């Protein structure tokens, strides 16, 4: 890690540029992905959401459904309840969404929080987390409040047992419990709920819905097919049929005229359509890929300047795993700094989105942690695998062969090269060599010979005496202290190698 700090501090320009580009792209990706995740997990705090439905009615000859409560306010004798006496129904509740519900605090002006009126079965269908007291309402004049509203009305005090003045008629309700808002986004989000008994009168500023939970294994299609056709006075004696529709889907997208009524209620939270979410997902993926490509390309440029350093490490015995760990540590450090900057930008942008665009994103710590870990550990892996030693396999070997280098002990020919070095070292101390075999020096054939054998009159082969040869062959071309004719093949080979070496140095 110290080496990673040193490398990053040495390349400040590339590091700053990669950090800035990655922070900008990932910030947009995180903001959009958190919003998409929130919209895709609406009402997921309800454990039985897949078998939770809205009670609806359908006029004869029409395709649209209209939400309705499960009871008959006119108490007609021929009314057939869609829930009572039905063996497939596990539980149900009637919820009245209030649009004009005022609270008069002891000090200050009245305000209108999101409010609902519910019955005693409400918490069985909508599981809420109790912070204080009980959440079951059993009598008129009782209410439950959210944690935020309790802190606003009774700061620093327990809200249980306190009274709240509500409505235009200044009704006094007693707080029996305090609840915490759901962890995920809810289609119905409220701060206060009071009791709605059997004789509850629904004012014109509210609308009632019936929420039904079926038993496991029940087919909603078979349930709807069993419902009889009825003529009720509240529908002007027109033939209607009760039925159940998916809770979230029907509440959000397929309520027709009823949807406009819900939009006027502060407790109703509309959700984005699936088409908009897919478009936003495409934008988020595009931003992510742009940031990743920019980041990987910049790090590839950084490592191209260090390719000789990395190849030298391979030359002196470092394994591919050692080089990978070094590169991964450097990229991991950059990824950590990037996520610190990303979450700083996200936290600063949330109030602006809520204020100017009315987009409130609830904290989802599990999703946020998973996203952060994926970037911190996945991004270094992608960038490290694109490094020079991990691009084309064996790239470092080709480089060293091109530069006339090879690993003396780390390669597959290590043992052979070691013996070859010993052989040439022994030959250098020998005054004689075999006839016709020139001495080639201590670099196993990669350096030119410095001595040419000379055959004596008696048939022996001896090395040249350099001083004697220099005097005897004055004016001839010299090669590393050895006088040779200008047309000798060793002279041509030496000049060719020197030209190649100078060409490599200029590159």
Protein backbone atom coordinates (compact mmCIF):
# COMPACT_ATOMS: atom_id res chain seq x y z
CA UNK A 1 0.00 0.00 0.00
CA UNK A 2 2.92 2.36 0.66
CA UNK A 3 4.15 1.73 -2.84
CA UNK A 4 0.67 2.48 -4.16
CA UNK A 5 0.68 5.82 -2.33
CA UNK A 6 4.08 6.61 -3.77
CA UNK A 7 3.08 5.77 -7.35
CA UNK A 8 -0.17 7.79 -7.13
CA UNK A 9 1.59 10.81 -5.61
CA UNK A 10 4.20 10.62 -8.36
CA UNK A 11 1.54 10.72 -11.11
CA UNK A 12 -0.65 13.52 -9.73
CA UNK A 13 -1.98 14.70 -13.09
CA UNK A 14 -3.25 11.32 -14.28
CA UNK A 15 -4.64 10.50 -10.84
CA UNK A 16 -6.53 13.79 -10.51
CA UNK A 17 -7.95 13.50 -14.03
CA UNK A 18 -9.11 9.91 -13.52
CA UNK A 19 -10.62 10.75 -10.12
CA UNK A 20 -12.53 13.76 -11.45
CA UNK A 21 -13.98 11.92 -14.44
CA UNK A 22 -14.90 8.86 -12.42
CA UNK A 23 -16.52 10.89 -9.62
CA UNK A 24 -18.70 12.80 -12.09
CA UNK A 25 -19.87 9.69 -13.95
CA UNK A 26 -20.36 7.53 -10.85
CA UNK A 27 -22.23 10.30 -9.01
CA UNK A 28 -24.82 10.45 -11.78
CA UNK A 29 -24.97 6.65 -11.89
CA UNK A 30 -25.47 6.35 -8.12
CA UNK A 31 -28.18 9.02 -7.99
CA UNK A 32 -30.13 7.47 -10.87
CA UNK A 33 -29.67 3.88 -9.68
CA UNK A 34 -30.85 4.71 -6.16
CA UNK A 35 -33.97 6.32 -7.58
CA UNK A 36 -34.63 3.34 -9.87
CA UNK A 37 -34.13 0.90 -7.00
CA UNK A 38 -36.54 2.89 -4.84
CA UNK A 39 -39.22 2.87 -7.54
CA UNK A 40 -38.80 -0.85 -8.19
CA UNK A 41 -39.18 -1.69 -4.49
CA UNK A 42 -42.36 0.28 -3.80
CA UNK A 43 -44.44 -1.33 -1.00
CA UNK A 44 -41.87 -4.10 -0.52
CA UNK A 45 -42.05 -3.55 3.23
CA UNK A 46 -45.28 -5.60 3.05
CA UNK A 47 -44.22 -9.27 3.37
CA UNK A 48 -47.34 -10.56 1.56
CA UNK A 49 -47.37 -8.01 -1.25
CA UNK A 50 -47.78 -10.71 -3.91
CA UNK A 51 -51.16 -11.69 -2.43
CA UNK A 52 -52.32 -8.20 -1.39
CA UNK A 53 -55.00 -6.67 -3.62
CA UNK A 54 -57.30 -3.69 -3.92
CA UNK A 55 -61.04 -4.16 -3.74
CA UNK A 56 -62.55 -2.83 -6.97
CA UNK A 57 -65.82 -2.82 -8.89
CA UNK A 58 -66.40 -3.04 -12.62
CA UNK A 59 -69.48 -1.82 -14.42
CA UNK A 60 -71.06 -4.15 -16.88
CA UNK A 61 -69.67 -3.72 -20.37
CA UNK A 62 -66.69 -1.64 -19.22
CA UNK A 63 -63.04 -2.62 -18.89
CA UNK A 64 -61.90 -0.13 -16.24
CA UNK A 65 -61.92 -0.91 -12.53
CA UNK A 66 -62.81 1.54 -9.76
CA UNK A 67 -61.55 1.26 -6.20
CA UNK A 68 -64.11 0.89 -3.42
CA UNK A 69 -64.28 -0.16 0.21
CA UNK A 70 -65.32 -3.67 1.17
CA UNK A 71 -68.55 -2.61 2.94
CA UNK A 72 -71.87 -1.12 1.84
CA UNK A 73 -72.53 2.28 3.44
CA UNK A 74 -76.25 1.91 2.68
CA UNK A 75 -76.48 -1.50 4.43
CA UNK A 76 -78.72 -3.04 1.78
CA UNK A 77 -79.99 -6.51 2.58
CA UNK A 78 -79.11 -8.05 -0.79
CA UNK A 79 -75.51 -6.82 -0.64
CA UNK A 80 -73.01 -9.67 -1.03
CA UNK A 81 -69.74 -8.80 0.72
CA UNK A 82 -66.62 -9.59 -1.31
CA UNK A 83 -64.67 -10.48 1.86
CA UNK A 84 -67.01 -11.65 4.64
CA UNK A 85 -67.66 -15.36 4.49
CA UNK A 86 -65.00 -15.86 1.80
CA UNK A 87 -62.73 -18.76 2.70
CA UNK A 88 -59.97 -17.49 0.40
CA UNK A 89 -59.64 -14.17 2.26
CA UNK A 90 -57.11 -14.05 5.10
CA UNK A 91 -57.69 -10.47 6.28
CA UNK A 92 -58.80 -7.09 5.00
CA UNK A 93 -58.96 -3.43 6.01
CA UNK A 94 -60.60 -0.21 4.85
CA UNK A 95 -58.39 2.87 4.55
CA UNK A 96 -59.70 6.41 4.04
CA UNK A 97 -57.21 8.82 2.52
CA UNK A 98 -57.71 12.32 3.92
CA UNK A 99 -56.86 15.36 1.80
CA UNK A 100 -57.86 18.17 4.20
CA UNK A 101 -56.73 17.06 7.65
CA UNK A 102 -55.41 19.85 9.89
CA UNK A 103 -53.58 19.70 13.21
CA UNK A 104 -53.64 22.59 15.62
CA UNK A 105 -50.57 22.47 17.92
CA UNK A 106 -50.48 24.18 21.27
CA UNK A 107 -48.05 26.74 19.90
CA UNK A 108 -47.86 27.83 16.31
CA UNK A 109 -50.16 27.72 13.32
CA UNK A 110 -52.18 24.81 11.97
CA UNK A 111 -50.64 22.56 9.33
CA UNK A 112 -51.89 19.74 7.12
CA UNK A 113 -49.90 16.51 7.46
CA UNK A 114 -50.59 13.38 5.36
CA UNK A 115 -53.37 11.55 7.23
CA UNK A 116 -55.53 8.44 6.95
CA UNK A 117 -58.44 6.95 8.89
CA UNK A 118 -58.19 3.19 9.46
CA UNK A 119 -59.88 0.34 11.32
CA UNK A 120 -58.49 -2.13 13.84
CA UNK A 121 -57.26 -4.55 11.12
CA UNK A 122 -54.98 -2.01 9.50
CA UNK A 123 -51.68 -3.14 11.03
CA UNK A 124 -52.27 -6.75 9.94
CA UNK A 125 -52.17 -5.73 6.31
CA UNK A 126 -49.70 -2.83 6.69
CA UNK A 127 -46.97 -3.97 9.12
CA UNK A 128 -45.48 -0.92 10.84
CA UNK A 129 -42.58 -0.86 13.27
CA UNK A 130 -43.63 0.40 16.71
CA UNK A 131 -41.30 2.88 18.37
CA UNK A 132 -43.44 3.54 21.41
CA UNK A 133 -46.83 2.31 22.65
CA UNK A 134 -49.28 0.16 20.66
CA UNK A 135 -50.29 0.56 17.02
CA UNK A 136 -53.76 -1.06 17.15
CA UNK A 137 -56.68 1.38 17.17
CA UNK A 138 -59.85 0.07 18.84
CA UNK A 139 -62.01 3.11 19.70
CA UNK A 140 -62.93 6.55 18.48
CA UNK A 141 -60.62 9.33 19.59
CA UNK A 142 -57.46 7.24 19.28
CA UNK A 143 -54.63 7.88 16.85
CA UNK A 144 -51.07 6.88 16.06
CA UNK A 145 -48.40 9.29 14.82
CA UNK A 146 -45.10 8.91 13.01
CA UNK A 147 -41.75 9.39 14.68
CA UNK A 148 -41.15 12.66 12.82
CA UNK A 149 -44.56 14.14 13.71
CA UNK A 150 -44.15 13.15 17.36
CA UNK A 151 -40.82 14.98 17.51
CA UNK A 152 -42.46 18.04 15.93
CA UNK A 153 -45.49 18.13 18.23
CA UNK A 154 -43.80 17.01 21.44
CA UNK A 155 -40.06 17.73 21.18
CA UNK A 156 -38.05 15.92 23.83
CA UNK A 157 -41.14 14.28 25.35
CA UNK A 158 -42.98 10.99 25.05
CA UNK A 159 -45.95 11.32 22.69
CA UNK A 160 -47.95 8.41 24.13
CA UNK A 161 -50.89 9.67 26.17
CA UNK A 162 -50.73 13.20 24.77
CA UNK A 163 -53.71 14.76 22.96
CA UNK A 164 -53.83 16.18 19.44
CA UNK A 165 -56.46 18.63 18.17
CA UNK A 166 -57.42 17.70 14.61
CA UNK A 167 -59.98 18.68 11.98
CA UNK A 168 -62.13 21.71 11.46
CA UNK A 169 -64.34 20.66 14.36
CA UNK A 170 -61.36 20.59 16.75
CA UNK A 171 -61.70 16.91 17.63
CA UNK A 172 -59.34 15.76 20.33
CA UNK A 173 -57.47 12.49 19.71
CA UNK A 174 -55.23 10.68 22.14
CA UNK A 175 -51.93 9.31 20.88
CA UNK A 176 -51.65 5.59 21.71
CA UNK A 177 -48.55 4.76 19.70
CA UNK A 178 -45.63 6.05 17.66
CA UNK A 179 -44.48 4.24 14.52
CA UNK A 180 -41.44 4.40 12.25
CA UNK A 181 -41.89 5.02 8.54
CA UNK A 182 -41.35 1.98 6.28
CA UNK A 183 -37.84 1.31 5.04
CA UNK A 184 -38.96 1.30 1.41
CA UNK A 185 -41.16 3.67 -0.52
CA UNK A 186 -44.86 3.20 0.17
CA UNK A 187 -47.80 4.10 -2.08
CA UNK A 188 -49.57 5.40 1.01
CA UNK A 189 -47.34 7.41 3.30
CA UNK A 190 -48.89 9.21 6.27
CA UNK A 191 -47.87 10.88 9.52
CA UNK A 192 -51.06 10.37 11.51
CA UNK A 193 -53.82 7.74 11.45
CA UNK A 194 -57.01 7.95 13.50
CA UNK A 195 -59.71 5.34 14.12
CA UNK A 196 -62.52 4.78 11.63
CA UNK A 197 -65.22 2.57 13.15
CA UNK A 198 -68.27 0.96 11.58
CA UNK A 199 -70.25 4.21 11.83
CA UNK A 200 -67.41 6.24 10.29
CA UNK A 201 -68.64 9.02 8.04
CA UNK A 202 -66.36 9.60 5.05
CA UNK A 203 -66.24 13.32 4.26
CA UNK A 204 -66.17 14.54 0.70
CA UNK A 205 -62.47 15.42 1.00
CA UNK A 206 -61.46 11.77 1.45
CA UNK A 207 -61.66 8.56 -0.54
CA UNK A 208 -61.87 5.03 0.80
CA UNK A 209 -60.10 1.94 -0.48
CA UNK A 210 -60.38 -1.66 0.58
CA UNK A 211 -57.17 -3.70 0.87
CA UNK A 212 -57.62 -7.48 0.85
CA UNK A 213 -55.03 -10.16 1.59
CA UNK A 214 -55.71 -13.61 0.18
CA UNK A 215 -54.48 -16.90 1.56
CA UNK A 216 -51.46 -18.58 0.06
CA UNK A 217 -52.19 -20.63 -3.03
CA UNK A 218 -55.41 -18.78 -3.88
CA UNK A 219 -55.95 -17.83 -7.51
CA UNK A 220 -57.22 -14.28 -7.82
CA UNK A 221 -58.72 -15.11 -11.22
CA UNK A 222 -60.86 -17.86 -9.75
CA UNK A 223 -61.82 -15.56 -6.88
CA UNK A 224 -63.00 -12.83 -9.28
CA UNK A 225 -64.94 -15.35 -11.36
CA UNK A 226 -66.95 -16.43 -8.31
CA UNK A 227 -68.16 -12.91 -7.48
CA UNK A 228 -71.84 -12.39 -8.42
CA UNK A 229 -73.27 -9.44 -10.30
CA UNK A 230 -75.04 -6.94 -8.02
CA UNK A 231 -77.27 -3.89 -8.33
CA UNK A 232 -76.67 -1.44 -5.51
CA UNK A 233 -78.07 2.02 -4.89
CA UNK A 234 -74.63 3.57 -4.43
CA UNK A 235 -73.98 2.66 -8.09
CA UNK A 236 -77.39 3.95 -9.26
CA UNK A 237 -78.62 0.35 -9.52
CA UNK A 238 -76.34 -0.32 -12.42
CA UNK A 239 -75.05 -3.90 -12.59
CA UNK A 240 -71.56 -4.13 -11.11
CA UNK A 241 -69.21 -6.94 -10.17
CA UNK A 242 -66.70 -6.87 -7.32
CA UNK A 243 -63.16 -8.07 -7.90
CA UNK A 244 -59.55 -7.82 -6.76
CA UNK A 245 -56.67 -6.15 -8.57
CA UNK A 246 -52.92 -6.05 -7.71
CA UNK A 247 -52.33 -3.51 -4.98
CA UNK A 248 -49.39 -1.44 -6.20
CA UNK A 249 -50.07 -1.73 -9.92
CA UNK A 250 -53.75 -0.83 -9.66
CA UNK A 251 -53.16 1.94 -7.17
CA UNK A 252 -50.54 3.58 -9.36
CA UNK A 253 -51.43 3.10 -13.00
CA UNK A 254 -54.86 1.64 -13.72
CA UNK A 255 -57.41 3.55 -11.65
CA UNK A 256 -58.78 5.83 -14.38
CA UNK A 257 -60.72 8.71 -12.83
CA UNK A 258 -59.92 7.42 -9.35
CA UNK A 259 -56.24 8.13 -9.97
CA UNK A 260 -56.96 11.85 -10.16
CA UNK A 261 -58.71 11.68 -6.80
CA UNK A 262 -55.68 10.02 -5.25
CA UNK A 263 -53.36 12.62 -6.71
CA UNK A 264 -55.08 15.28 -4.58
CA UNK A 265 -54.30 13.41 -1.35
CA UNK A 266 -51.06 14.27 0.39
CA UNK A 267 -50.69 10.70 1.67
CA UNK A 268 -50.74 9.19 -1.82
CA UNK A 269 -47.24 8.88 -3.31
CA UNK A 270 -47.19 8.41 -7.10
CA UNK A 271 -44.51 6.24 -8.67
CA UNK A 272 -42.62 6.47 -11.94
CA UNK A 273 -43.81 4.42 -14.87
CA UNK A 274 -41.89 1.41 -16.08
CA UNK A 275 -41.01 3.14 -19.36
CA UNK A 276 -39.36 6.06 -17.57
CA UNK A 277 -37.44 3.68 -15.31
CA UNK A 278 -36.03 1.74 -18.26
CA UNK A 279 -34.96 4.98 -19.93
CA UNK A 280 -33.24 6.12 -16.74
CA UNK A 281 -31.58 2.73 -16.43
CA UNK A 282 -30.14 3.11 -19.94
CA UNK A 283 -28.76 6.56 -19.02
CA UNK A 284 -27.24 5.19 -15.80
CA UNK A 285 -25.53 2.33 -17.64
CA UNK A 286 -24.25 4.74 -20.28
CA UNK A 287 -22.76 7.03 -17.63
CA UNK A 288 -21.19 4.05 -15.91
CA UNK A 289 -19.53 2.75 -19.07
CA UNK A 290 -18.24 6.21 -20.01
CA UNK A 291 -16.66 6.59 -16.59
CA UNK A 292 -15.20 3.08 -16.64
CA UNK A 293 -13.71 3.47 -20.12
CA UNK A 294 -12.18 6.80 -19.16
CA UNK A 295 -10.77 5.36 -15.96
CA UNK A 296 -9.35 2.21 -17.58
CA UNK A 297 -7.82 4.15 -20.47
CA UNK A 298 -6.13 6.64 -18.17
CA UNK A 299 -4.68 3.86 -16.04
CA UNK A 300 -3.54 2.06 -19.18
CA UNK A 301 -1.65 5.22 -20.18
CA UNK A 302 -0.16 5.47 -16.68
CA UNK A 303 1.02 1.88 -16.82
CA UNK A 304 2.34 2.20 -20.33
CA UNK A 305 4.84 4.71 -18.89
CA UNK A 306 5.74 2.08 -16.28
CA UNK A 307 5.80 -0.92 -18.54
CA UNK A 308 9.59 -1.26 -18.29
CA UNK A 309 9.34 -1.15 -14.50
CA UNK A 310 6.70 -3.89 -14.51
CA UNK A 311 8.62 -6.00 -17.00
CA UNK A 312 11.82 -5.64 -14.99
CA UNK A 313 9.95 -6.99 -11.98
CA UNK A 314 8.93 -9.99 -14.06
CA UNK A 315 12.51 -10.30 -15.30
CA UNK A 316 13.89 -10.62 -11.78
CA UNK A 317 11.46 -13.29 -10.66
CA UNK A 318 8.18 -11.50 -9.77
CA UNK A 319 5.18 -13.64 -10.61
CA UNK A 320 2.09 -12.46 -12.44
CA UNK A 321 0.27 -12.57 -9.11
CA UNK A 322 2.83 -10.20 -7.52
CA UNK A 323 2.43 -7.67 -10.32
CA UNK A 324 -1.37 -8.03 -10.18
CA UNK A 325 -1.42 -7.37 -6.42
CA UNK A 326 0.67 -4.23 -6.89
CA UNK A 327 -1.63 -2.88 -9.60
CA UNK A 328 -4.75 -3.89 -7.68
CA UNK A 329 -3.55 -2.03 -4.56
CA UNK A 330 -2.96 1.14 -6.58
CA UNK A 331 -6.38 0.99 -8.25
CA UNK A 332 -8.08 0.03 -4.98
CA UNK A 333 -6.74 3.18 -3.35
CA UNK A 334 -8.06 5.29 -6.22
CA UNK A 335 -11.45 3.54 -6.01
CA UNK A 336 -11.73 4.30 -2.28
CA UNK A 337 -10.96 7.98 -2.88
CA UNK A 338 -13.46 7.98 -5.74
CA UNK A 339 -16.31 6.61 -3.62
CA UNK A 340 -15.60 9.18 -0.90
CA UNK A 341 -16.01 11.91 -3.50
CA UNK A 342 -19.08 10.21 -5.03
CA UNK A 343 -20.99 10.00 -1.77
CA UNK A 344 -20.07 13.58 -0.96
CA UNK A 345 -21.61 14.71 -4.25
CA UNK A 346 -24.67 12.48 -3.71
CA UNK A 347 -25.36 13.84 -0.23
CA UNK A 348 -25.02 17.41 -1.45
CA UNK A 349 -27.32 16.77 -4.43
CA UNK A 350 -30.17 15.13 -2.49
CA UNK A 351 -31.52 18.36 -0.89
CA UNK A 352 -31.38 20.09 -4.27
CA UNK A 353 -33.33 17.29 -5.95
CA UNK A 354 -35.94 17.31 -3.18
CA UNK A 355 -36.30 21.11 -3.27
CA UNK A 356 -36.29 21.90 -6.97
CA UNK A 357 -37.51 18.64 -8.55
CA UNK A 358 -39.59 17.15 -5.72
CA UNK A 359 -37.61 13.91 -5.92
CA UNK A 360 -37.05 12.45 -2.48
CA UNK A 361 -34.89 9.35 -2.28
CA UNK A 362 -35.22 7.31 0.91
CA UNK A 363 -32.02 5.94 2.46
CA UNK A 364 -31.46 2.31 1.47
CA UNK A 365 -28.35 1.33 3.40
CA UNK A 366 -28.23 -2.25 2.08
CA UNK A 367 -28.33 -1.10 -1.53
CA UNK A 368 -25.84 1.70 -0.84
CA UNK A 369 -23.37 -0.66 0.86
CA UNK A 370 -23.69 -3.24 -1.93
CA UNK A 371 -23.12 -0.58 -4.60
CA UNK A 372 -20.09 0.84 -2.77
CA UNK A 373 -18.46 -2.57 -2.29
CA UNK A 374 -19.09 -3.48 -5.94
CA UNK A 375 -17.26 -0.34 -7.11
CA UNK A 376 -14.41 -0.55 -4.59
CA UNK A 377 -13.57 -4.19 -5.31
CA UNK A 378 -14.83 -4.59 -8.89
CA UNK A 379 -13.31 -1.48 -10.44
CA UNK A 380 -9.69 -2.35 -9.47
CA UNK A 381 -10.19 -5.85 -10.84
CA UNK A 382 -11.31 -4.53 -14.24
CA UNK A 383 -8.52 -1.95 -14.43
CA UNK A 384 -5.77 -4.33 -13.23
CA UNK A 385 -6.59 -7.00 -15.79
CA UNK A 386 -6.07 -4.43 -18.56
CA UNK A 387 -2.47 -3.77 -17.54
CA UNK A 388 0.46 -4.58 -19.88
CA UNK A 389 1.53 -7.85 -18.17
CA UNK A 390 -2.09 -9.03 -18.25
CA UNK A 391 -2.99 -7.98 -21.78
CA UNK A 392 -1.65 -10.32 -24.47
CA UNK A 393 -0.30 -13.34 -22.69
CA UNK A 394 3.47 -13.41 -22.58
CA UNK A 395 3.83 -9.75 -23.58
CA UNK A 396 6.73 -9.28 -21.17
CA UNK A 397 8.62 -12.19 -22.75
CA UNK A 398 8.21 -10.69 -26.21
CA UNK A 399 9.44 -7.35 -24.93
CA UNK A 400 12.60 -8.83 -23.43
CA UNK A 401 13.29 -10.91 -26.50
CA UNK A 402 12.90 -7.79 -28.60
CA UNK A 403 15.33 -5.94 -26.32
CA UNK A 404 17.79 -8.90 -26.39
CA UNK A 405 17.19 -9.56 -22.68
CA UNK A 406 16.08 -12.67 -20.94
CA UNK A 407 15.51 -13.77 -17.41
CA UNK A 408 18.71 -15.48 -16.23
CA UNK A 409 17.12 -17.71 -13.64
CA UNK A 410 13.39 -17.10 -13.77
CA UNK A 411 12.63 -18.46 -17.26
CA UNK A 412 12.32 -21.97 -18.55
CA UNK A 413 15.94 -21.85 -19.81
CA UNK A 414 17.35 -20.73 -16.47
CA UNK A 415 19.37 -23.87 -15.83
CA UNK A 416 20.81 -23.97 -19.33
CA UNK A 417 21.82 -20.30 -19.20
CA UNK A 418 23.46 -20.77 -15.81
CA UNK A 419 25.60 -23.62 -17.17
CA UNK A 420 26.36 -21.52 -20.24
CA UNK A 421 27.69 -18.70 -18.07
CA UNK A 422 29.91 -21.14 -16.19
CA UNK A 423 31.23 -22.53 -19.48
CA UNK A 424 32.19 -19.12 -20.84
CA UNK A 425 33.75 -18.08 -17.54
CA UNK A 426 35.93 -21.18 -17.66
CA UNK A 427 36.76 -20.58 -21.31
CA UNK A 428 37.89 -17.04 -20.54
CA UNK A 429 40.60 -18.38 -18.24
CA UNK A 430 41.74 -20.99 -20.73
CA UNK A 431 44.60 -20.04 -23.04
CA UNK A 432 43.57 -22.52 -25.67
CA UNK A 433 40.37 -23.39 -27.37
CA UNK A 434 39.27 -25.91 -29.94
CA UNK A 435 40.24 -25.25 -33.56
CA UNK A 436 37.73 -23.17 -35.47
CA UNK A 437 35.67 -22.19 -32.40
CA UNK A 438 35.86 -18.46 -31.75
CA UNK A 439 35.59 -17.22 -28.19
CA UNK A 440 32.32 -15.30 -27.76
CA UNK A 441 32.56 -13.75 -24.32
CA UNK A 442 30.47 -14.09 -21.15
CA UNK A 443 27.03 -13.22 -22.57
CA UNK A 444 25.99 -16.59 -24.08
CA UNK A 445 26.25 -15.35 -27.65
CA UNK A 446 24.57 -11.99 -27.28
CA UNK A 447 27.80 -9.95 -27.31
CA UNK A 448 30.37 -10.01 -30.06
CA UNK A 449 33.59 -11.87 -29.64
CA UNK A 450 36.58 -9.82 -28.58
CA UNK A 451 39.22 -12.32 -29.70
CA UNK A 452 39.80 -14.22 -32.94
CA UNK A 453 41.70 -17.55 -32.84
CA UNK A 454 45.08 -17.75 -34.62
CA UNK A 455 46.54 -21.02 -35.93
CA UNK A 456 50.27 -21.36 -35.25
CA UNK A 457 52.83 -23.08 -37.53
CA UNK A 458 52.83 -26.16 -35.37
CA UNK A 459 49.05 -26.54 -35.62
CA UNK A 460 48.17 -25.09 -32.22
CA UNK A 461 45.36 -22.54 -31.91
CA UNK A 462 46.12 -19.57 -29.67
CA UNK A 463 44.49 -16.26 -28.78
CA UNK A 464 45.86 -13.09 -30.34
CA UNK A 465 48.15 -10.94 -28.38
CA UNK A 466 46.27 -7.68 -28.67
CA UNK A 467 49.25 -5.36 -28.54
CA UNK A 468 51.17 -7.43 -31.08
CA UNK A 469 48.20 -7.65 -33.41
CA UNK A 470 47.57 -3.90 -33.11
CA UNK A 471 51.14 -3.18 -34.12
CA UNK A 472 51.18 -5.83 -36.84
CA UNK A 473 47.84 -4.84 -38.33
CA UNK A 474 48.03 -1.10 -38.03
CA UNK A 475 45.46 0.82 -40.05
CA UNK A 476 42.90 -2.00 -40.03
CA UNK A 477 39.47 -1.74 -38.38
CA UNK A 478 39.51 -2.27 -34.58
CA UNK A 479 36.77 -4.12 -32.74
CA UNK A 480 36.81 -3.86 -28.96
CA UNK A 481 40.59 -3.85 -28.82
CA UNK A 482 41.01 -6.62 -31.41
CA UNK A 483 42.40 -5.73 -34.84
CA UNK A 484 40.39 -7.29 -37.66
CA UNK A 485 40.21 -6.71 -41.40
CA UNK A 486 37.49 -4.32 -42.50
CA UNK A 487 35.65 -6.99 -44.47
CA UNK A 488 35.72 -9.52 -41.67
CA UNK A 489 32.31 -11.02 -40.80
CA UNK A 490 32.71 -10.06 -37.14
CA UNK A 491 33.12 -6.42 -38.08
CA UNK A 492 29.93 -6.49 -40.11
CA UNK A 493 28.09 -8.20 -37.25
CA UNK A 494 29.36 -5.67 -34.75
CA UNK A 495 28.26 -2.72 -36.88
CA UNK A 496 24.85 -4.26 -37.39
CA UNK A 497 24.31 -4.78 -33.64
CA UNK A 498 25.52 -1.28 -32.82
CA UNK A 499 23.03 0.18 -35.33
CA UNK A 500 20.21 -1.80 -33.76
CA UNK A 501 21.20 -0.68 -30.27
CA UNK A 502 21.29 2.99 -31.25
CA UNK A 503 17.90 2.64 -32.93
CA UNK A 504 16.40 1.21 -29.75
CA UNK A 505 17.91 4.00 -27.68
CA UNK A 506 16.41 6.65 -29.94
CA UNK A 507 12.94 5.02 -29.54
